Amino acid sequence: MSVQSKHKPEEETQQPVKRRGVSKWTIVQWFLIPLLLIAALAGGLVAGYVILGKRELSDVLQWSTWKHVYDLVFAP
């Protein structure tokens, strides 16, 4: 009679293939990063226009303000 080894055959010892799904951290990043960017934009508007420029916060949201800024930047 032949002597069988105590080890299991290779087929039985292989680890099952792990499925890679979307982790919770990835979902958090999809929502957290845009929120942080919007908060940085709002903070920059307040710091630049209200604190340094000494203007009203409501002026930041007016279309005429941004048209004037565009005209200043891209004037010939």
PDB file of N, CA and C in Angstrom:
ATOM      1  N   MET A   1       0.825  -1.171   0.000  1.00  0.00           N
ATOM      2  CA  MET A   1       0.000   0.000   0.000  1.00  0.00           C
ATOM      3  C   MET A   1       0.874   1.240   0.000  1.00  0.00           C
ATOM      4  N   SER A   2       0.312   2.271  -0.604  1.00  0.00           N
ATOM      5  CA  SER A   2       1.086   3.512  -0.685  1.00  0.00           C
ATOM      6  C   SER A   2       0.776   4.385   0.531  1.00  0.00           C
ATOM      7  N   VAL A   3       1.726   5.177   0.865  1.00  0.00           N
ATOM      8  CA  VAL A   3       1.571   6.077   2.000  1.00  0.00           C
ATOM      9  C   VAL A   3       1.056   7.413   1.473  1.00  0.00           C
ATOM     10  N   GLN A   4      -0.066   7.859   2.004  1.00  0.00           N
ATOM     11  CA  GLN A   4      -0.615   9.144   1.569  1.00  0.00           C
ATOM     12  C   GLN A   4      -0.082  10.229   2.491  1.00  0.00           C
ATOM     13  N   SER A   5       0.186  11.385   1.891  1.00  0.00           N
ATOM     14  CA  SER A   5       0.697  12.492   2.708  1.00  0.00           C
ATOM     15  C   SER A   5      -0.427  13.067   3.559  1.00  0.00           C
ATOM     16  N   LYS A   6      -0.043  13.756   4.604  1.00  0.00           N
ATOM     17  CA  LYS A   6      -1.013  14.334   5.521  1.00  0.00           C
ATOM     18  C   LYS A   6      -1.560  15.659   4.999  1.00  0.00           C
ATOM     19  N   HIS A   7      -0.959  16.177   3.921  1.00  0.00           N
ATOM     20  CA  HIS A   7      -1.397  17.463   3.367  1.00  0.00           C
ATOM     21  C   HIS A   7      -2.595  17.257   2.451  1.00  0.00           C
ATOM     22  N   LYS A   8      -3.462  18.258   2.433  1.00  0.00           N
ATOM     23  CA  LYS A   8      -4.614  18.216   1.546  1.00  0.00           C
ATOM     24  C   LYS A   8      -4.154  18.514   0.124  1.00  0.00           C
ATOM     25  N   PRO A   9      -4.873  18.048  -0.833  1.00  0.00           N
ATOM     26  CA  PRO A   9      -4.518  18.379  -2.216  1.00  0.00           C
ATOM     27  C   PRO A   9      -4.602  19.893  -2.442  1.00  0.00           C
ATOM     28  N   GLU A  10      -3.900  20.373  -3.454  1.00  0.00           N
ATOM     29  CA  GLU A  10      -3.820  21.803  -3.722  1.00  0.00           C
ATOM     30  C   GLU A  10      -5.193  22.422  -3.968  1.00  0.00           C
ATOM     31  N   GLU A  11      -6.064  21.706  -4.577  1.00  0.00           N
ATOM     32  CA  GLU A  11      -7.379  22.252  -4.904  1.00  0.00           C
ATOM     33  C   GLU A  11      -8.150  22.646  -3.652  1.00  0.00           C
ATOM     34  N   GLU A  12      -7.993  21.905  -2.597  1.00  0.00           N
ATOM     35  CA  GLU A  12      -8.746  22.186  -1.376  1.00  0.00           C
ATOM     36  C   GLU A  12      -8.099  23.274  -0.532  1.00  0.00           C
ATOM     37  N   THR A  13      -6.810  23.512  -0.672  1.00  0.00           N
ATOM     38  CA  THR A  13      -6.121  24.482   0.169  1.00  0.00           C
ATOM     39  C   THR A  13      -6.120  25.880  -0.426  1.00  0.00           C
ATOM     40  N   GLN A  14      -6.531  26.056  -1.666  1.00  0.00           N
ATOM     41  CA  GLN A  14      -6.532  27.381  -2.269  1.00  0.00           C
ATOM     42  C   GLN A  14      -7.612  28.240  -1.632  1.00  0.00           C
ATOM     43  N   GLN A  15      -7.259  29.506  -1.429  1.00  0.00           N
ATOM     44  CA  GLN A  15      -8.204  30.461  -0.849  1.00  0.00           C
ATOM     45  C   GLN A  15      -9.240  30.836  -1.897  1.00  0.00           C
ATOM     46  N   PRO A  16     -10.476  31.033  -1.486  1.00  0.00           N
ATOM     47  CA  PRO A  16     -11.482  31.486  -2.453  1.00  0.00           C
ATOM     48  C   PRO A  16     -11.146  32.902  -2.921  1.00  0.00           C
ATOM     49  N   VAL A  17     -11.490  33.209  -4.137  1.00  0.00           N
ATOM     50  CA  VAL A  17     -11.212  34.525  -4.697  1.00  0.00           C
ATOM     51  C   VAL A  17     -12.116  35.541  -4.014  1.00  0.00           C
ATOM     52  N   LYS A  18     -11.491  36.606  -3.477  1.00  0.00           N
ATOM     53  CA  LYS A  18     -12.265  37.635  -2.789  1.00  0.00           C
ATOM     54  C   LYS A  18     -12.840  38.588  -3.818  1.00  0.00           C
ATOM     55  N   ARG A  19     -14.085  38.924  -3.638  1.00  0.00           N
ATOM     56  CA  ARG A  19     -14.729  39.878  -4.526  1.00  0.00           C
ATOM     57  C   ARG A  19     -14.473  41.269  -3.977  1.00  0.00           C
ATOM     58  N   ARG A  20     -14.032  42.120  -4.840  1.00  0.00           N
ATOM     59  CA  ARG A  20     -13.730  43.490  -4.410  1.00  0.00           C
ATOM     60  C   ARG A  20     -14.928  44.374  -4.703  1.00  0.00           C
ATOM     61  N   GLY A  21     -15.575  44.827  -3.663  1.00  0.00           N
ATOM     62  CA  GLY A  21     -16.753  45.678  -3.804  1.00  0.00           C
ATOM     63  C   GLY A  21     -16.399  47.111  -3.448  1.00  0.00           C
ATOM     64  N   VAL A  22     -17.380  47.941  -3.456  1.00  0.00           N
ATOM     65  CA  VAL A  22     -17.196  49.336  -3.093  1.00  0.00           C
ATOM     66  C   VAL A  22     -17.212  49.427  -1.578  1.00  0.00           C
ATOM     67  N   SER A  23     -16.125  49.943  -1.015  1.00  0.00           N
ATOM     68  CA  SER A  23     -16.042  50.024   0.435  1.00  0.00           C
ATOM     69  C   SER A  23     -16.773  51.257   0.943  1.00  0.00           C
ATOM     70  N   LYS A  24     -17.001  51.278   2.219  1.00  0.00           N
ATOM     71  CA  LYS A  24     -17.673  52.415   2.836  1.00  0.00           C
ATOM     72  C   LYS A  24     -16.825  53.672   2.706  1.00  0.00           C
ATOM     73  N   TRP A  25     -15.512  53.517   2.805  1.00  0.00           N
ATOM     74  CA  TRP A  25     -14.616  54.670   2.704  1.00  0.00           C
ATOM     75  C   TRP A  25     -14.704  55.310   1.318  1.00  0.00           C
ATOM     76  N   THR A  26     -14.857  54.515   0.272  1.00  0.00           N
ATOM     77  CA  THR A  26     -14.982  55.045  -1.080  1.00  0.00           C
ATOM     78  C   THR A  26     -16.255  55.863  -1.211  1.00  0.00           C
ATOM     79  N   ILE A  27     -17.330  55.372  -0.625  1.00  0.00           N
ATOM     80  CA  ILE A  27     -18.595  56.106  -0.672  1.00  0.00           C
ATOM     81  C   ILE A  27     -18.470  57.422   0.095  1.00  0.00           C
ATOM     82  N   VAL A  28     -17.810  57.385   1.243  1.00  0.00           N
ATOM     83  CA  VAL A  28     -17.600  58.603   2.022  1.00  0.00           C
ATOM     84  C   VAL A  28     -16.782  59.613   1.221  1.00  0.00           C
ATOM     85  N   GLN A  29     -15.766  59.142   0.516  1.00  0.00           N
ATOM     86  CA  GLN A  29     -14.937  60.044  -0.270  1.00  0.00           C
ATOM     87  C   GLN A  29     -15.732  60.706  -1.389  1.00  0.00           C
ATOM     88  N   TRP A  30     -16.643  59.988  -2.016  1.00  0.00           N
ATOM     89  CA  TRP A  30     -17.447  60.551  -3.094  1.00  0.00           C
ATOM     90  C   TRP A  30     -18.310  61.697  -2.610  1.00  0.00           C
ATOM     91  N   PHE A  31     -18.711  61.681  -1.340  1.00  0.00           N
ATOM     92  CA  PHE A  31     -19.540  62.756  -0.808  1.00  0.00           C
ATOM     93  C   PHE A  31     -18.731  63.785  -0.025  1.00  0.00           C
ATOM     94  N   LEU A  32     -17.677  63.339   0.656  1.00  0.00           N
ATOM     95  CA  LEU A  32     -16.921  64.233   1.515  1.00  0.00           C
ATOM     96  C   LEU A  32     -16.069  65.212   0.718  1.00  0.00           C
ATOM     97  N   ILE A  33     -15.402  64.751  -0.317  1.00  0.00           N
ATOM     98  CA  ILE A  33     -14.514  65.619  -1.083  1.00  0.00           C
ATOM     99  C   ILE A  33     -15.280  66.762  -1.757  1.00  0.00           C
ATOM    100  N   PRO A  34     -16.398  66.503  -2.454  1.00  0.00           N
ATOM    101  CA  PRO A  34     -17.139  67.648  -3.009  1.00  0.00           C
ATOM    102  C   PRO A  34     -17.670  68.612  -1.938  1.00  0.00           C
ATOM    103  N   LEU A  35     -18.089  68.079  -0.797  1.00  0.00           N
ATOM    104  CA  LEU A  35     -18.553  68.964   0.272  1.00  0.00           C
ATOM    105  C   LEU A  35     -17.427  69.843   0.796  1.00  0.00           C
ATOM    106  N   LEU A  36     -16.238  69.282   0.929  1.00  0.00           N
ATOM    107  CA  LEU A  36     -15.092  70.071   1.381  1.00  0.00           C
ATOM    108  C   LEU A  36     -14.698  71.121   0.342  1.00  0.00           C
ATOM    109  N   LEU A  37     -14.812  70.789  -0.934  1.00  0.00           N
ATOM    110  CA  LEU A  37     -14.512  71.765  -1.985  1.00  0.00           C
ATOM    111  C   LEU A  37     -15.513  72.925  -1.967  1.00  0.00           C
ATOM    112  N   ILE A  38     -16.774  72.617  -1.763  1.00  0.00           N
ATOM    113  CA  ILE A  38     -17.795  73.671  -1.687  1.00  0.00           C
ATOM    114  C   ILE A  38     -17.570  74.540  -0.455  1.00  0.00           C
ATOM    115  N   ALA A  39     -17.201  73.908   0.666  1.00  0.00           N
ATOM    116  CA  ALA A  39     -16.920  74.675   1.882  1.00  0.00           C
ATOM    117  C   ALA A  39     -15.699  75.573   1.690  1.00  0.00           C
ATOM    118  N   ALA A  40     -14.681  75.092   0.977  1.00  0.00           N
ATOM    119  CA  ALA A  40     -13.495  75.908   0.705  1.00  0.00           C
ATOM    120  C   ALA A  40     -13.849  77.086  -0.204  1.00  0.00           C
ATOM    121  N   LEU A  41     -14.702  76.852  -1.188  1.00  0.00           N
ATOM    122  CA  LEU A  41     -15.144  77.936  -2.066  1.00  0.00           C
ATOM    123  C   LEU A  41     -15.899  78.989  -1.277  1.00  0.00           C
ATOM    124  N   ALA A  42     -16.823  78.558  -0.429  1.00  0.00           N
ATOM    125  CA  ALA A  42     -17.600  79.501   0.385  1.00  0.00           C
ATOM    126  C   ALA A  42     -16.685  80.265   1.345  1.00  0.00           C
ATOM    127  N   GLY A  43     -15.745  79.578   1.949  1.00  0.00           N
ATOM    128  CA  GLY A  43     -14.802  80.249   2.854  1.00  0.00           C
ATOM    129  C   GLY A  43     -13.928  81.247   2.126  1.00  0.00           C
ATOM    130  N   GLY A  44     -13.517  80.906   0.910  1.00  0.00           N
ATOM    131  CA  GLY A  44     -12.716  81.834   0.115  1.00  0.00           C
ATOM    132  C   GLY A  44     -13.496  83.060  -0.301  1.00  0.00           C
ATOM    133  N   LEU A  45     -14.778  82.858  -0.649  1.00  0.00           N
ATOM    134  CA  LEU A  45     -15.619  84.002  -0.998  1.00  0.00           C
ATOM    135  C   LEU A  45     -15.796  84.944   0.188  1.00  0.00           C
ATOM    136  N   VAL A  46     -16.042  84.359   1.345  1.00  0.00           N
ATOM    137  CA  VAL A  46     -16.228  85.182   2.536  1.00  0.00           C
ATOM    138  C   VAL A  46     -14.942  85.896   2.902  1.00  0.00           C
ATOM    139  N   ALA A  47     -13.831  85.179   2.890  1.00  0.00           N
ATOM    140  CA  ALA A  47     -12.557  85.787   3.270  1.00  0.00           C
ATOM    141  C   ALA A  47     -12.141  86.872   2.278  1.00  0.00           C
ATOM    142  N   GLY A  48     -12.284  86.602   0.995  1.00  0.00           N
ATOM    143  CA  GLY A  48     -11.823  87.558   0.007  1.00  0.00           C
ATOM    144  C   GLY A  48     -12.752  88.730  -0.207  1.00  0.00           C
ATOM    145  N   TYR A  49     -14.025  88.475  -0.300  1.00  0.00           N
ATOM    146  CA  TYR A  49     -14.966  89.528  -0.661  1.00  0.00           C
ATOM    147  C   TYR A  49     -15.482  90.285   0.553  1.00  0.00           C
ATOM    148  N   VAL A  50     -15.757  89.576   1.623  1.00  0.00           N
ATOM    149  CA  VAL A  50     -16.361  90.215   2.796  1.00  0.00           C
ATOM    150  C   VAL A  50     -15.297  90.774   3.725  1.00  0.00           C
ATOM    151  N   ILE A  51     -14.304  89.966   4.074  1.00  0.00           N
ATOM    152  CA  ILE A  51     -13.308  90.404   5.058  1.00  0.00           C
ATOM    153  C   ILE A  51     -12.293  91.357   4.429  1.00  0.00           C
ATOM    154  N   LEU A  52     -11.655  90.930   3.329  1.00  0.00           N
ATOM    155  CA  LEU A  52     -10.644  91.782   2.702  1.00  0.00           C
ATOM    156  C   LEU A  52     -11.264  92.932   1.899  1.00  0.00           C
ATOM    157  N   GLY A  53     -12.344  92.654   1.190  1.00  0.00           N
ATOM    158  CA  GLY A  53     -12.965  93.672   0.358  1.00  0.00           C
ATOM    159  C   GLY A  53     -13.931  94.577   1.082  1.00  0.00           C
ATOM    160  N   LYS A  54     -14.278  94.208   2.292  1.00  0.00           N
ATOM    161  CA  LYS A  54     -15.207  94.981   3.123  1.00  0.00           C
ATOM    162  C   LYS A  54     -16.514  95.286   2.384  1.00  0.00           C
ATOM    163  N   ARG A  55     -17.087  94.245   1.779  1.00  0.00           N
ATOM    164  CA  ARG A  55     -18.361  94.354   1.075  1.00  0.00           C
ATOM    165  C   ARG A  55     -19.397  93.485   1.768  1.00  0.00           C
ATOM    166  N   GLU A  56     -20.634  93.605   1.326  1.00  0.00           N
ATOM    167  CA  GLU A  56     -21.730  92.812   1.882  1.00  0.00           C
ATOM    168  C   GLU A  56     -21.677  91.386   1.346  1.00  0.00           C
ATOM    169  N   LEU A  57     -22.057  90.428   2.173  1.00  0.00           N
ATOM    170  CA  LEU A  57     -22.083  89.019   1.762  1.00  0.00           C
ATOM    171  C   LEU A  57     -23.111  88.786   0.655  1.00  0.00           C
ATOM    172  N   SER A  58     -24.191  89.537   0.666  1.00  0.00           N
ATOM    173  CA  SER A  58     -25.225  89.355  -0.357  1.00  0.00           C
ATOM    174  C   SER A  58     -24.717  89.752  -1.750  1.00  0.00           C
ATOM    175  N   ASP A  59     -23.709  90.626  -1.809  1.00  0.00           N
ATOM    176  CA  ASP A  59     -23.154  91.030  -3.104  1.00  0.00           C
ATOM    177  C   ASP A  59     -22.418  89.884  -3.794  1.00  0.00           C
ATOM    178  N   VAL A  60     -21.926  88.934  -3.033  1.00  0.00           N
ATOM    179  CA  VAL A  60     -21.195  87.803  -3.609  1.00  0.00           C
ATOM    180  C   VAL A  60     -22.115  86.962  -4.488  1.00  0.00           C
ATOM    181  N   LEU A  61     -23.373  86.891  -4.139  1.00  0.00           N
ATOM    182  CA  LEU A  61     -24.314  86.032  -4.849  1.00  0.00           C
ATOM    183  C   LEU A  61     -24.986  86.709  -6.040  1.00  0.00           C
ATOM    184  N   GLN A  62     -24.678  87.960  -6.309  1.00  0.00           N
ATOM    185  CA  GLN A  62     -25.307  88.675  -7.427  1.00  0.00           C
ATOM    186  C   GLN A  62     -24.544  88.431  -8.727  1.00  0.00           C
ATOM    187  N   TRP A  63     -25.300  88.257  -9.807  1.00  0.00           N
ATOM    188  CA  TRP A  63     -24.707  87.993 -11.116  1.00  0.00           C
ATOM    189  C   TRP A  63     -23.862  89.183 -11.600  1.00  0.00           C
ATOM    190  N   SER A  64     -24.271  90.396 -11.295  1.00  0.00           N
ATOM    191  CA  SER A  64     -23.550  91.577 -11.766  1.00  0.00           C
ATOM    192  C   SER A  64     -22.134  91.645 -11.185  1.00  0.00           C
ATOM    193  N   THR A  65     -21.965  91.148  -9.977  1.00  0.00           N
ATOM    194  CA  THR A  65     -20.628  91.114  -9.371  1.00  0.00           C
ATOM    195  C   THR A  65     -19.695  90.228 -10.181  1.00  0.00           C
ATOM    196  N   TRP A  66     -20.160  89.047 -10.564  1.00  0.00           N
ATOM    197  CA  TRP A  66     -19.314  88.107 -11.291  1.00  0.00           C
ATOM    198  C   TRP A  66     -19.105  88.528 -12.736  1.00  0.00           C
ATOM    199  N   LYS A  67     -20.080  89.221 -13.312  1.00  0.00           N
ATOM    200  CA  LYS A  67     -19.899  89.768 -14.661  1.00  0.00           C
ATOM    201  C   LYS A  67     -18.807  90.831 -14.631  1.00  0.00           C
ATOM    202  N   HIS A  68     -18.815  91.670 -13.584  1.00  0.00           N
ATOM    203  CA  HIS A  68     -17.796  92.701 -13.442  1.00  0.00           C
ATOM    204  C   HIS A  68     -16.409  92.077 -13.252  1.00  0.00           C
ATOM    205  N   VAL A  69     -16.310  91.041 -12.438  1.00  0.00           N
ATOM    206  CA  VAL A  69     -15.027  90.349 -12.240  1.00  0.00           C
ATOM    207  C   VAL A  69     -14.539  89.739 -13.557  1.00  0.00           C
ATOM    208  N   TYR A  70     -15.436  89.111 -14.309  1.00  0.00           N
ATOM    209  CA  TYR A  70     -15.081  88.533 -15.607  1.00  0.00           C
ATOM    210  C   TYR A  70     -14.582  89.615 -16.564  1.00  0.00           C
ATOM    211  N   ASP A  71     -15.284  90.752 -16.590  1.00  0.00           N
ATOM    212  CA  ASP A  71     -14.852  91.855 -17.456  1.00  0.00           C
ATOM    213  C   ASP A  71     -13.484  92.390 -17.059  1.00  0.00           C
ATOM    214  N   LEU A  72     -13.202  92.430 -15.764  1.00  0.00           N
ATOM    215  CA  LEU A  72     -11.892  92.896 -15.319  1.00  0.00           C
ATOM    216  C   LEU A  72     -10.772  91.936 -15.713  1.00  0.00           C
ATOM    217  N   VAL A  73     -11.037  90.654 -15.587  1.00  0.00           N
ATOM    218  CA  VAL A  73     -10.005  89.651 -15.877  1.00  0.00           C
ATOM    219  C   VAL A  73      -9.738  89.538 -17.369  1.00  0.00           C
ATOM    220  N   PHE A  74     -10.797  89.529 -18.172  1.00  0.00           N
ATOM    221  CA  PHE A  74     -10.636  89.285 -19.609  1.00  0.00           C
ATOM    222  C   PHE A  74     -10.788  90.545 -20.462  1.00  0.00           C
ATOM    223  N   ALA A  75     -10.555  91.707 -19.871  1.00  0.00           N
ATOM    224  CA  ALA A  75     -10.654  92.945 -20.626  1.00  0.00           C
ATOM    225  C   ALA A  75      -9.480  93.044 -21.608  1.00  0.00           C
ATOM    226  N   PRO A  76      -9.763  93.593 -22.827  1.00  0.00           N
ATOM    227  CA  PRO A  76      -8.644  93.735 -23.800  1.00  0.00           C
ATOM    228  C   PRO A  76      -7.713  94.869 -23.466  1.00  0.00           C
TER     229      PRO A  76
END
